[in-house]
Amino acid sequence: MAKAKTAEPEEAEPPKRPKMAFRCKHCGRTVEALAAGELAFPRRCPSCGHGVEFKVNEDGTGFQVIEHPENWTVLADLSAAELKKDFAIHGLTADDIEEHTVKPPTEVPAGTHTHLTATETIGSKDKAK
């Protein structure tokens, strides 16, 4: 009886690492364009939290969100020499960089709106029209 030949297992390609678009100036973390979403820059760094600040109103009634886009380096704006100098530790090359395109905010069709009413009494129900 003849032995069946077994197929050699194919070598799997290593997973491709995601392309990066921004670098936090505080901690050096690089993030994908997806981190910025519809904004021009990411809000806060997922590692160190820089890039956004929460300031409590003086009267204590709420807070303000203060964004700091200057916390981010846009990697697509760097030259090949700057990438090589500053990002050798990450091993980033021009092929590892993606340019972030700011997406326009989602348009709400004309004539479409939501009207909310809220009553703060016991047993009341909020209504949306």
Protein backbone atom coordinates (compact mmCIF):
# COMPACT_ATOMS: atom_id res chain seq x y z
CA MET A 1 0.00 0.00 0.00
CA ALA A 2 1.42 3.40 -1.00
CA LYS A 3 1.88 6.08 1.58
CA ALA A 4 0.03 9.30 0.92
CA LYS A 5 2.29 12.32 0.69
CA THR A 6 1.54 15.03 3.14
CA ALA A 7 1.62 18.58 1.90
CA GLU A 8 4.32 20.79 3.31
CA PRO A 9 2.81 23.48 5.50
CA GLU A 10 3.04 26.85 3.82
CA GLU A 11 4.92 29.50 5.71
CA ALA A 12 2.46 32.09 6.88
CA GLU A 13 3.38 35.69 6.20
CA PRO A 14 3.87 37.73 9.33
CA PRO A 15 0.92 40.02 9.96
CA LYS A 16 1.32 43.45 8.44
CA ARG A 17 1.63 46.14 11.02
CA PRO A 18 -0.77 49.06 10.73
CA LYS A 19 0.34 52.29 9.13
CA MET A 20 0.84 55.19 11.52
CA ALA A 21 -0.24 58.81 11.08
CA PHE A 22 0.51 60.66 14.35
CA ARG A 23 3.08 60.71 17.15
CA CYS A 24 2.49 62.04 20.66
CA LYS A 25 5.11 64.68 21.45
CA HIS A 26 4.90 63.89 25.16
CA CYS A 27 5.52 60.12 25.26
CA GLY A 28 6.40 59.21 21.65
CA ARG A 29 3.51 56.81 21.07
CA THR A 30 2.56 56.48 17.40
CA VAL A 31 -1.09 55.99 16.47
CA GLU A 32 -3.06 55.20 13.33
CA ALA A 33 -5.15 57.73 11.41
CA LEU A 34 -8.21 55.93 12.75
CA ALA A 35 -7.43 57.40 16.18
CA ALA A 36 -8.39 60.86 14.89
CA GLY A 37 -11.65 59.78 13.26
CA GLU A 38 -13.43 62.81 11.81
CA LEU A 39 -11.08 65.23 13.59
CA ALA A 40 -7.83 66.66 12.21
CA PHE A 41 -5.86 65.23 15.17
CA PRO A 42 -6.45 62.57 17.83
CA ARG A 43 -7.84 63.99 21.05
CA ARG A 44 -5.89 62.22 23.80
CA CYS A 45 -2.93 59.91 23.65
CA PRO A 46 -3.96 56.35 24.60
CA SER A 47 -0.70 55.91 26.53
CA CYS A 48 -0.12 59.12 28.48
CA GLY A 49 -3.41 61.03 28.18
CA HIS A 50 -1.87 64.22 26.78
CA GLY A 51 -3.65 66.09 23.98
CA VAL A 52 -6.82 66.99 25.87
CA GLU A 53 -7.46 68.79 29.13
CA PHE A 54 -10.60 69.00 31.24
CA LYS A 55 -11.08 72.30 33.04
CA VAL A 56 -13.79 72.59 35.70
CA ASN A 57 -15.91 75.75 35.44
CA GLU A 58 -15.29 78.25 38.23
CA ASP A 59 -18.88 77.97 39.44
CA GLY A 60 -18.57 74.17 39.57
CA THR A 61 -21.50 73.60 37.19
CA GLY A 62 -19.59 71.64 34.59
CA PHE A 63 -16.32 71.50 32.70
CA GLN A 64 -14.72 72.49 29.42
CA VAL A 65 -12.77 70.22 27.11
CA ILE A 66 -9.63 71.95 25.87
CA GLU A 67 -7.93 70.19 22.98
CA HIS A 68 -4.20 70.51 22.35
CA PRO A 69 -3.52 69.54 18.71
CA GLU A 70 0.03 70.84 19.13
CA ASN A 71 0.66 67.66 21.15
CA TRP A 72 0.72 65.66 17.90
CA THR A 73 3.34 65.35 15.16
CA VAL A 74 1.81 64.55 11.76
CA LEU A 75 4.09 61.82 10.44
CA ALA A 76 3.16 62.39 6.78
CA ASP A 77 4.59 65.92 7.05
CA LEU A 78 8.07 64.65 7.98
CA SER A 79 10.85 64.19 5.46
CA ALA A 80 12.58 60.83 4.99
CA ALA A 81 15.61 62.20 6.88
CA GLU A 82 13.43 63.28 9.83
CA LEU A 83 11.74 59.87 9.89
CA LYS A 84 15.10 58.10 9.88
CA LYS A 85 16.51 60.38 12.59
CA ASP A 86 13.54 60.49 14.96
CA PHE A 87 11.83 57.17 14.38
CA ALA A 88 14.65 54.66 14.00
CA ILE A 89 13.60 53.23 17.36
CA HIS A 90 10.17 52.44 15.90
CA GLY A 91 11.62 51.22 12.60
CA LEU A 92 9.25 53.50 10.71
CA THR A 93 9.86 54.24 7.06
CA ALA A 94 7.80 56.20 4.54
CA ASP A 95 6.01 52.91 3.69
CA ASP A 96 4.77 52.67 7.31
CA ILE A 97 3.14 56.11 7.26
CA GLU A 98 -0.37 56.98 6.16
CA GLU A 99 -1.80 60.42 5.57
CA HIS A 100 -4.91 61.22 7.56
CA THR A 101 -7.78 62.67 5.55
CA VAL A 102 -10.29 64.58 7.64
CA LYS A 103 -13.74 63.28 6.84
CA PRO A 104 -16.54 65.81 6.62
CA PRO A 105 -19.09 65.50 9.41
CA THR A 106 -22.07 63.32 8.61
CA GLU A 107 -24.79 65.42 7.01
CA VAL A 108 -28.27 65.30 8.51
CA PRO A 109 -30.88 65.31 5.73
CA ALA A 110 -32.88 68.54 5.48
CA GLY A 111 -36.15 68.41 7.37
CA THR A 112 -34.89 65.75 9.74
CA HIS A 113 -34.65 66.73 13.37
CA THR A 114 -35.25 65.36 16.80
CA HIS A 115 -37.04 67.32 19.45
CA LEU A 116 -36.48 66.19 23.02
CA THR A 117 -38.46 67.27 26.03
CA ALA A 118 -37.54 66.30 29.55
CA THR A 119 -39.42 66.81 32.76
CA GLU A 120 -37.79 66.19 36.10
CA THR A 121 -40.72 65.09 38.20
CA ILE A 122 -41.45 61.76 39.75
CA GLY A 123 -43.27 59.47 37.37
CA SER A 124 -42.67 61.65 34.28
CA LYS A 125 -41.54 60.16 30.98
CA ASP A 126 -39.22 61.87 28.53
CA LYS A 127 -40.53 62.20 24.99
CA ALA A 128 -38.71 62.37 21.66
CA LYS A 129 -40.50 63.52 18.53
